[in-house]
Amino acid sequence: MSESIKGSLKERVARIVAEEVAPLLQMDGGSVEVLGVEDGVVQVRLHNLSGCCPSTVHAAIMGIEDELRRRVPEVEYLEAVP
């Protein structure tokens, strides 16, 4: 896969996260940062999620992953990194 296609994929993912996901997390004081996209894996860092309760983090990850997979077919799964 060429670098321009990878960049394009990361840009699409970042745009969806910024426009669709981030505003929802911000309502609860949280945020998300797209770190990278490679071979269908999106790496994100989550910040300030309701005290970082494991169930809240898991729900956020699953919700973000579902939205990205629905909107960007190349996304296979989401990986949250510390």
PDB file of N, CA and C in Angstrom:
ATOM      1  N   MET A   1       0.856  -1.178   0.000  1.00  0.00           N
ATOM      2  CA  MET A   1       0.000   0.000   0.000  1.00  0.00           C
ATOM      3  C   MET A   1       0.895   1.232   0.000  1.00  0.00           C
ATOM      4  N   SER A   2       0.591   2.161  -0.844  1.00  0.00           N
ATOM      5  CA  SER A   2       1.432   3.349  -0.939  1.00  0.00           C
ATOM      6  C   SER A   2       1.222   4.270   0.254  1.00  0.00           C
ATOM      7  N   GLU A   3       2.203   5.102   0.517  1.00  0.00           N
ATOM      8  CA  GLU A   3       2.135   6.026   1.653  1.00  0.00           C
ATOM      9  C   GLU A   3       0.976   7.004   1.514  1.00  0.00           C
ATOM     10  N   SER A   4       0.657   7.416   0.283  1.00  0.00           N
ATOM     11  CA  SER A   4      -0.437   8.365   0.102  1.00  0.00           C
ATOM     12  C   SER A   4      -1.782   7.748   0.476  1.00  0.00           C
ATOM     13  N   ILE A   5      -1.942   6.463   0.217  1.00  0.00           N
ATOM     14  CA  ILE A   5      -3.177   5.784   0.604  1.00  0.00           C
ATOM     15  C   ILE A   5      -3.249   5.672   2.116  1.00  0.00           C
ATOM     16  N   LYS A   6      -2.142   5.336   2.778  1.00  0.00           N
ATOM     17  CA  LYS A   6      -2.120   5.269   4.236  1.00  0.00           C
ATOM     18  C   LYS A   6      -2.454   6.624   4.829  1.00  0.00           C
ATOM     19  N   GLY A   7      -1.837   7.671   4.290  1.00  0.00           N
ATOM     20  CA  GLY A   7      -2.120   9.013   4.774  1.00  0.00           C
ATOM     21  C   GLY A   7      -3.578   9.365   4.581  1.00  0.00           C
ATOM     22  N   SER A   8      -4.126   9.001   3.454  1.00  0.00           N
ATOM     23  CA  SER A   8      -5.520   9.264   3.168  1.00  0.00           C
ATOM     24  C   SER A   8      -6.426   8.537   4.157  1.00  0.00           C
ATOM     25  N   LEU A   9      -6.101   7.292   4.479  1.00  0.00           N
ATOM     26  CA  LEU A   9      -6.879   6.519   5.438  1.00  0.00           C
ATOM     27  C   LEU A   9      -6.809   7.171   6.816  1.00  0.00           C
ATOM     28  N   LYS A  10      -5.616   7.543   7.246  1.00  0.00           N
ATOM     29  CA  LYS A  10      -5.472   8.191   8.553  1.00  0.00           C
ATOM     30  C   LYS A  10      -6.242   9.506   8.577  1.00  0.00           C
ATOM     31  N   GLU A  11      -6.193  10.262   7.482  1.00  0.00           N
ATOM     32  CA  GLU A  11      -6.925  11.526   7.423  1.00  0.00           C
ATOM     33  C   GLU A  11      -8.426  11.305   7.536  1.00  0.00           C
ATOM     34  N   ARG A  12      -8.942  10.271   6.853  1.00  0.00           N
ATOM     35  CA  ARG A  12     -10.378   9.985   6.939  1.00  0.00           C
ATOM     36  C   ARG A  12     -10.761   9.579   8.350  1.00  0.00           C
ATOM     37  N   VAL A  13      -9.953   8.721   8.960  1.00  0.00           N
ATOM     38  CA  VAL A  13     -10.217   8.285  10.332  1.00  0.00           C
ATOM     39  C   VAL A  13     -10.172   9.478  11.273  1.00  0.00           C
ATOM     40  N   ALA A  14      -9.134  10.294  11.153  1.00  0.00           N
ATOM     41  CA  ALA A  14      -8.985  11.458  12.034  1.00  0.00           C
ATOM     42  C   ALA A  14     -10.153  12.430  11.865  1.00  0.00           C
ATOM     43  N   ARG A  15     -10.619  12.609  10.633  1.00  0.00           N
ATOM     44  CA  ARG A  15     -11.740  13.517  10.393  1.00  0.00           C
ATOM     45  C   ARG A  15     -13.015  12.997  11.056  1.00  0.00           C
ATOM     46  N   ILE A  16     -13.292  11.710  10.929  1.00  0.00           N
ATOM     47  CA  ILE A  16     -14.485  11.135  11.552  1.00  0.00           C
ATOM     48  C   ILE A  16     -14.395  11.233  13.066  1.00  0.00           C
ATOM     49  N   VAL A  17     -13.226  10.928  13.601  1.00  0.00           N
ATOM     50  CA  VAL A  17     -13.044  11.031  15.050  1.00  0.00           C
ATOM     51  C   VAL A  17     -13.261  12.472  15.502  1.00  0.00           C
ATOM     52  N   ALA A  18     -12.670  13.428  14.797  1.00  0.00           N
ATOM     53  CA  ALA A  18     -12.788  14.836  15.184  1.00  0.00           C
ATOM     54  C   ALA A  18     -14.215  15.358  15.054  1.00  0.00           C
ATOM     55  N   GLU A  19     -14.912  14.952  13.993  1.00  0.00           N
ATOM     56  CA  GLU A  19     -16.236  15.504  13.724  1.00  0.00           C
ATOM     57  C   GLU A  19     -17.374  14.756  14.413  1.00  0.00           C
ATOM     58  N   GLU A  20     -17.231  13.456  14.586  1.00  0.00           N
ATOM     59  CA  GLU A  20     -18.334  12.641  15.087  1.00  0.00           C
ATOM     60  C   GLU A  20     -18.128  12.126  16.508  1.00  0.00           C
ATOM     61  N   VAL A  21     -16.912  11.700  16.823  1.00  0.00           N
ATOM     62  CA  VAL A  21     -16.648  11.034  18.097  1.00  0.00           C
ATOM     63  C   VAL A  21     -16.226  12.024  19.180  1.00  0.00           C
ATOM     64  N   ALA A  22     -15.260  12.859  18.874  1.00  0.00           N
ATOM     65  CA  ALA A  22     -14.710  13.782  19.873  1.00  0.00           C
ATOM     66  C   ALA A  22     -15.774  14.658  20.532  1.00  0.00           C
ATOM     67  N   PRO A  23     -16.713  15.234  19.767  1.00  0.00           N
ATOM     68  CA  PRO A  23     -17.723  16.074  20.426  1.00  0.00           C
ATOM     69  C   PRO A  23     -18.546  15.314  21.482  1.00  0.00           C
ATOM     70  N   LEU A  24     -18.820  14.044  21.237  1.00  0.00           N
ATOM     71  CA  LEU A  24     -19.572  13.253  22.209  1.00  0.00           C
ATOM     72  C   LEU A  24     -18.757  13.009  23.476  1.00  0.00           C
ATOM     73  N   LEU A  25     -17.482  12.699  23.309  1.00  0.00           N
ATOM     74  CA  LEU A  25     -16.623  12.489  24.470  1.00  0.00           C
ATOM     75  C   LEU A  25     -16.422  13.789  25.243  1.00  0.00           C
ATOM     76  N   GLN A  26     -16.342  14.911  24.523  1.00  0.00           N
ATOM     77  CA  GLN A  26     -16.125  16.208  25.163  1.00  0.00           C
ATOM     78  C   GLN A  26     -17.290  16.609  26.055  1.00  0.00           C
ATOM     79  N   MET A  27     -18.473  16.106  25.765  1.00  0.00           N
ATOM     80  CA  MET A  27     -19.637  16.425  26.601  1.00  0.00           C
ATOM     81  C   MET A  27     -19.444  15.900  28.019  1.00  0.00           C
ATOM     82  N   ASP A  28     -18.633  14.843  28.162  1.00  0.00           N
ATOM     83  CA  ASP A  28     -18.330  14.284  29.481  1.00  0.00           C
ATOM     84  C   ASP A  28     -16.921  14.634  29.945  1.00  0.00           C
ATOM     85  N   GLY A  29     -16.279  15.570  29.255  1.00  0.00           N
ATOM     86  CA  GLY A  29     -14.947  16.004  29.646  1.00  0.00           C
ATOM     87  C   GLY A  29     -13.823  15.135  29.121  1.00  0.00           C
ATOM     88  N   GLY A  30     -14.128  14.197  28.234  1.00  0.00           N
ATOM     89  CA  GLY A  30     -13.109  13.311  27.685  1.00  0.00           C
ATOM     90  C   GLY A  30     -12.638  13.765  26.321  1.00  0.00           C
ATOM     91  N   SER A  31     -11.604  13.097  25.842  1.00  0.00           N
ATOM     92  CA  SER A  31     -11.104  13.374  24.499  1.00  0.00           C
ATOM     93  C   SER A  31     -10.430  12.130  23.942  1.00  0.00           C
ATOM     94  N   VAL A  32     -10.196  12.152  22.651  1.00  0.00           N
ATOM     95  CA  VAL A  32      -9.552  11.038  21.964  1.00  0.00           C
ATOM     96  C   VAL A  32      -8.534  11.603  20.984  1.00  0.00           C
ATOM     97  N   GLU A  33      -7.422  10.911  20.870  1.00  0.00           N
ATOM     98  CA  GLU A  33      -6.332  11.326  19.982  1.00  0.00           C
ATOM     99  C   GLU A  33      -6.001  10.149  19.063  1.00  0.00           C
ATOM    100  N   VAL A  34      -6.031  10.376  17.750  1.00  0.00           N
ATOM    101  CA  VAL A  34      -5.651   9.337  16.792  1.00  0.00           C
ATOM    102  C   VAL A  34      -4.136   9.349  16.682  1.00  0.00           C
ATOM    103  N   LEU A  35      -3.515   8.233  17.057  1.00  0.00           N
ATOM    104  CA  LEU A  35      -2.058   8.138  17.029  1.00  0.00           C
ATOM    105  C   LEU A  35      -1.539   7.588  15.708  1.00  0.00           C
ATOM    106  N   GLY A  36      -2.280   6.657  15.141  1.00  0.00           N
ATOM    107  CA  GLY A  36      -1.827   6.070  13.894  1.00  0.00           C
ATOM    108  C   GLY A  36      -2.847   5.110  13.323  1.00  0.00           C
ATOM    109  N   VAL A  37      -2.677   4.803  12.034  1.00  0.00           N
ATOM    110  CA  VAL A  37      -3.514   3.840  11.341  1.00  0.00           C
ATOM    111  C   VAL A  37      -2.590   3.025  10.459  1.00  0.00           C
ATOM    112  N   GLU A  38      -2.580   1.718  10.691  1.00  0.00           N
ATOM    113  CA  GLU A  38      -1.711   0.863   9.889  1.00  0.00           C
ATOM    114  C   GLU A  38      -2.329  -0.518   9.751  1.00  0.00           C
ATOM    115  N   ASP A  39      -2.408  -0.997   8.530  1.00  0.00           N
ATOM    116  CA  ASP A  39      -2.934  -2.330   8.232  1.00  0.00           C
ATOM    117  C   ASP A  39      -4.306  -2.564   8.862  1.00  0.00           C
ATOM    118  N   GLY A  40      -5.163  -1.559   8.818  1.00  0.00           N
ATOM    119  CA  GLY A  40      -6.512  -1.690   9.326  1.00  0.00           C
ATOM    120  C   GLY A  40      -6.670  -1.502  10.823  1.00  0.00           C
ATOM    121  N   VAL A  41      -5.571  -1.243  11.516  1.00  0.00           N
ATOM    122  CA  VAL A  41      -5.591  -1.049  12.966  1.00  0.00           C
ATOM    123  C   VAL A  41      -5.467   0.437  13.270  1.00  0.00           C
ATOM    124  N   VAL A  42      -6.440   0.955  13.995  1.00  0.00           N
ATOM    125  CA  VAL A  42      -6.429   2.360  14.401  1.00  0.00           C
ATOM    126  C   VAL A  42      -5.974   2.413  15.851  1.00  0.00           C
ATOM    127  N   GLN A  43      -4.930   3.159  16.112  1.00  0.00           N
ATOM    128  CA  GLN A  43      -4.439   3.349  17.478  1.00  0.00           C
ATOM    129  C   GLN A  43      -4.872   4.713  17.978  1.00  0.00           C
ATOM    130  N   VAL A  44      -5.508   4.708  19.160  1.00  0.00           N
ATOM    131  CA  VAL A  44      -5.966   5.943  19.765  1.00  0.00           C
ATOM    132  C   VAL A  44      -5.528   6.008  21.213  1.00  0.00           C
ATOM    133  N   ARG A  45      -5.510   7.216  21.738  1.00  0.00           N
ATOM    134  CA  ARG A  45      -5.285   7.442  23.161  1.00  0.00           C
ATOM    135  C   ARG A  45      -6.505   8.189  23.675  1.00  0.00           C
ATOM    136  N   LEU A  46      -7.103   7.652  24.726  1.00  0.00           N
ATOM    137  CA  LEU A  46      -8.275   8.265  25.344  1.00  0.00           C
ATOM    138  C   LEU A  46      -7.835   9.052  26.562  1.00  0.00           C
ATOM    139  N   HIS A  47      -8.450  10.203  26.773  1.00  0.00           N
ATOM    140  CA  HIS A  47      -8.102  11.074  27.895  1.00  0.00           C
ATOM    141  C   HIS A  47      -9.352  11.428  28.700  1.00  0.00           C
ATOM    142  N   ASN A  48      -9.219  11.422  30.027  1.00  0.00           N
ATOM    143  CA  ASN A  48     -10.242  11.946  30.950  1.00  0.00           C
ATOM    144  C   ASN A  48     -11.620  11.323  30.781  1.00  0.00           C
ATOM    145  N   LEU A  49     -11.677  10.006  30.692  1.00  0.00           N
ATOM    146  CA  LEU A  49     -12.972   9.345  30.558  1.00  0.00           C
ATOM    147  C   LEU A  49     -13.534   8.983  31.926  1.00  0.00           C
ATOM    148  N   SER A  50     -14.453   9.734  32.429  1.00  0.00           N
ATOM    149  CA  SER A  50     -15.198   9.453  33.661  1.00  0.00           C
ATOM    150  C   SER A  50     -14.403   8.667  34.698  1.00  0.00           C
ATOM    151  N   GLY A  51     -13.262   9.172  35.077  1.00  0.00           N
ATOM    152  CA  GLY A  51     -12.455   8.509  36.087  1.00  0.00           C
ATOM    153  C   GLY A  51     -11.753   7.267  35.578  1.00  0.00           C
ATOM    154  N   CYS A  52     -11.799   7.048  34.275  1.00  0.00           N
ATOM    155  CA  CYS A  52     -11.149   5.903  33.633  1.00  0.00           C
ATOM    156  C   CYS A  52     -11.648   4.562  34.170  1.00  0.00           C
ATOM    157  N   CYS A  53     -12.917   4.488  34.508  1.00  0.00           N
ATOM    158  CA  CYS A  53     -13.544   3.231  34.894  1.00  0.00           C
ATOM    159  C   CYS A  53     -13.400   2.254  33.726  1.00  0.00           C
ATOM    160  N   PRO A  54     -12.958   1.026  33.966  1.00  0.00           N
ATOM    161  CA  PRO A  54     -12.750   0.072  32.869  1.00  0.00           C
ATOM    162  C   PRO A  54     -13.977  -0.120  31.976  1.00  0.00           C
ATOM    163  N   SER A  55     -15.168  -0.120  32.559  1.00  0.00           N
ATOM    164  CA  SER A  55     -16.359  -0.314  31.727  1.00  0.00           C
ATOM    165  C   SER A  55     -16.616   0.899  30.836  1.00  0.00           C
ATOM    166  N   THR A  56     -16.303   2.094  31.317  1.00  0.00           N
ATOM    167  CA  THR A  56     -16.464   3.304  30.516  1.00  0.00           C
ATOM    168  C   THR A  56     -15.476   3.307  29.357  1.00  0.00           C
ATOM    169  N   VAL A  57     -14.228   2.945  29.653  1.00  0.00           N
ATOM    170  CA  VAL A  57     -13.201   2.884  28.613  1.00  0.00           C
ATOM    171  C   VAL A  57     -13.581   1.850  27.561  1.00  0.00           C
ATOM    172  N   HIS A  58     -14.023   0.675  28.008  1.00  0.00           N
ATOM    173  CA  HIS A  58     -14.416  -0.389  27.073  1.00  0.00           C
ATOM    174  C   HIS A  58     -15.581   0.062  26.191  1.00  0.00           C
ATOM    175  N   ALA A  59     -16.579   0.691  26.790  1.00  0.00           N
ATOM    176  CA  ALA A  59     -17.732   1.169  26.025  1.00  0.00           C
ATOM    177  C   ALA A  59     -17.308   2.218  24.999  1.00  0.00           C
ATOM    178  N   ALA A  60     -16.403   3.109  25.390  1.00  0.00           N
ATOM    179  CA  ALA A  60     -15.920   4.140  24.458  1.00  0.00           C
ATOM    180  C   ALA A  60     -15.164   3.501  23.297  1.00  0.00           C
ATOM    181  N   ILE A  61     -14.303   2.548  23.605  1.00  0.00           N
ATOM    182  CA  ILE A  61     -13.528   1.871  22.559  1.00  0.00           C
ATOM    183  C   ILE A  61     -14.459   1.160  21.588  1.00  0.00           C
ATOM    184  N   MET A  62     -15.419   0.433  22.108  1.00  0.00           N
ATOM    185  CA  MET A  62     -16.342  -0.307  21.247  1.00  0.00           C
ATOM    186  C   MET A  62     -17.184   0.643  20.396  1.00  0.00           C
ATOM    187  N   GLY A  63     -17.630   1.736  20.977  1.00  0.00           N
ATOM    188  CA  GLY A  63     -18.422   2.700  20.226  1.00  0.00           C
ATOM    189  C   GLY A  63     -17.629   3.364  19.112  1.00  0.00           C
ATOM    190  N   ILE A  64     -16.407   3.746  19.425  1.00  0.00           N
ATOM    191  CA  ILE A  64     -15.548   4.373  18.413  1.00  0.00           C
ATOM    192  C   ILE A  64     -15.242   3.369  17.310  1.00  0.00           C
ATOM    193  N   GLU A  65     -14.895   2.153  17.696  1.00  0.00           N
ATOM    194  CA  GLU A  65     -14.574   1.115  16.705  1.00  0.00           C
ATOM    195  C   GLU A  65     -15.775   0.841  15.796  1.00  0.00           C
ATOM    196  N   ASP A  66     -16.960   0.702  16.367  1.00  0.00           N
ATOM    197  CA  ASP A  66     -18.157   0.449  15.563  1.00  0.00           C
ATOM    198  C   ASP A  66     -18.397   1.567  14.559  1.00  0.00           C
ATOM    199  N   GLU A  67     -18.272   2.813  15.012  1.00  0.00           N
ATOM    200  CA  GLU A  67     -18.498   3.953  14.120  1.00  0.00           C
ATOM    201  C   GLU A  67     -17.462   3.984  12.995  1.00  0.00           C
ATOM    202  N   LEU A  68     -16.203   3.757  13.351  1.00  0.00           N
ATOM    203  CA  LEU A  68     -15.152   3.776  12.326  1.00  0.00           C
ATOM    204  C   LEU A  68     -15.329   2.638  11.328  1.00  0.00           C
ATOM    205  N   ARG A  69     -15.644   1.447  11.812  1.00  0.00           N
ATOM    206  CA  ARG A  69     -15.831   0.310  10.901  1.00  0.00           C
ATOM    207  C   ARG A  69     -17.014   0.533   9.974  1.00  0.00           C
ATOM    208  N   ARG A  70     -18.032   1.186  10.484  1.00  0.00           N
ATOM    209  CA  ARG A  70     -19.210   1.479   9.665  1.00  0.00           C
ATOM    210  C   ARG A  70     -18.892   2.515   8.583  1.00  0.00           C
ATOM    211  N   ARG A  71     -18.087   3.503   8.936  1.00  0.00           N
ATOM    212  CA  ARG A  71     -17.811   4.623   8.024  1.00  0.00           C
ATOM    213  C   ARG A  71     -16.574   4.425   7.160  1.00  0.00           C
ATOM    214  N   VAL A  72     -15.617   3.611   7.638  1.00  0.00           N
ATOM    215  CA  VAL A  72     -14.358   3.391   6.907  1.00  0.00           C
ATOM    216  C   VAL A  72     -14.116   1.878   6.847  1.00  0.00           C
ATOM    217  N   PRO A  73     -14.527   1.232   5.762  1.00  0.00           N
ATOM    218  CA  PRO A  73     -14.448  -0.227   5.670  1.00  0.00           C
ATOM    219  C   PRO A  73     -13.036  -0.808   5.846  1.00  0.00           C
ATOM    220  N   GLU A  74     -12.018  -0.006   5.603  1.00  0.00           N
ATOM    221  CA  GLU A  74     -10.636  -0.504   5.763  1.00  0.00           C
ATOM    222  C   GLU A  74     -10.244  -0.713   7.227  1.00  0.00           C
ATOM    223  N   VAL A  75     -10.988  -0.129   8.150  1.00  0.00           N
ATOM    224  CA  VAL A  75     -10.684  -0.275   9.575  1.00  0.00           C
ATOM    225  C   VAL A  75     -11.143  -1.648  10.039  1.00  0.00           C
ATOM    226  N   GLU A  76     -10.191  -2.406  10.610  1.00  0.00           N
ATOM    227  CA  GLU A  76     -10.510  -3.738  11.117  1.00  0.00           C
ATOM    228  C   GLU A  76     -10.780  -3.695  12.612  1.00  0.00           C
ATOM    229  N   TYR A  77      -9.944  -2.988  13.355  1.00  0.00           N
ATOM    230  CA  TYR A  77     -10.211  -2.833  14.787  1.00  0.00           C
ATOM    231  C   TYR A  77      -9.473  -1.643  15.354  1.00  0.00           C
ATOM    232  N   LEU A  78      -9.894  -1.295  16.570  1.00  0.00           N
ATOM    233  CA  LEU A  78      -9.353  -0.143  17.272  1.00  0.00           C
ATOM    234  C   LEU A  78      -8.519  -0.624  18.446  1.00  0.00           C
ATOM    235  N   GLU A  79      -7.401   0.003  18.647  1.00  0.00           N
ATOM    236  CA  GLU A  79      -6.504  -0.340  19.751  1.00  0.00           C
ATOM    237  C   GLU A  79      -6.251   0.922  20.574  1.00  0.00           C
ATOM    238  N   ALA A  80      -6.614   0.868  21.848  1.00  0.00           N
ATOM    239  CA  ALA A  80      -6.364   1.993  22.745  1.00  0.00           C
ATOM    240  C   ALA A  80      -5.000   1.776  23.402  1.00  0.00           C
ATOM    241  N   VAL A  81      -4.158   2.780  23.323  1.00  0.00           N
ATOM    242  CA  VAL A  81      -2.818   2.686  23.921  1.00  0.00           C
ATOM    243  C   VAL A  81      -2.696   3.711  25.043  1.00  0.00           C
ATOM    244  N   PRO A  82      -1.921   3.346  26.063  1.00  0.00           N
ATOM    245  CA  PRO A  82      -1.764   4.284  27.197  1.00  0.00           C
ATOM    246  C   PRO A  82      -0.968   5.515  26.834  1.00  0.00           C
TER     247      PRO A  82
END
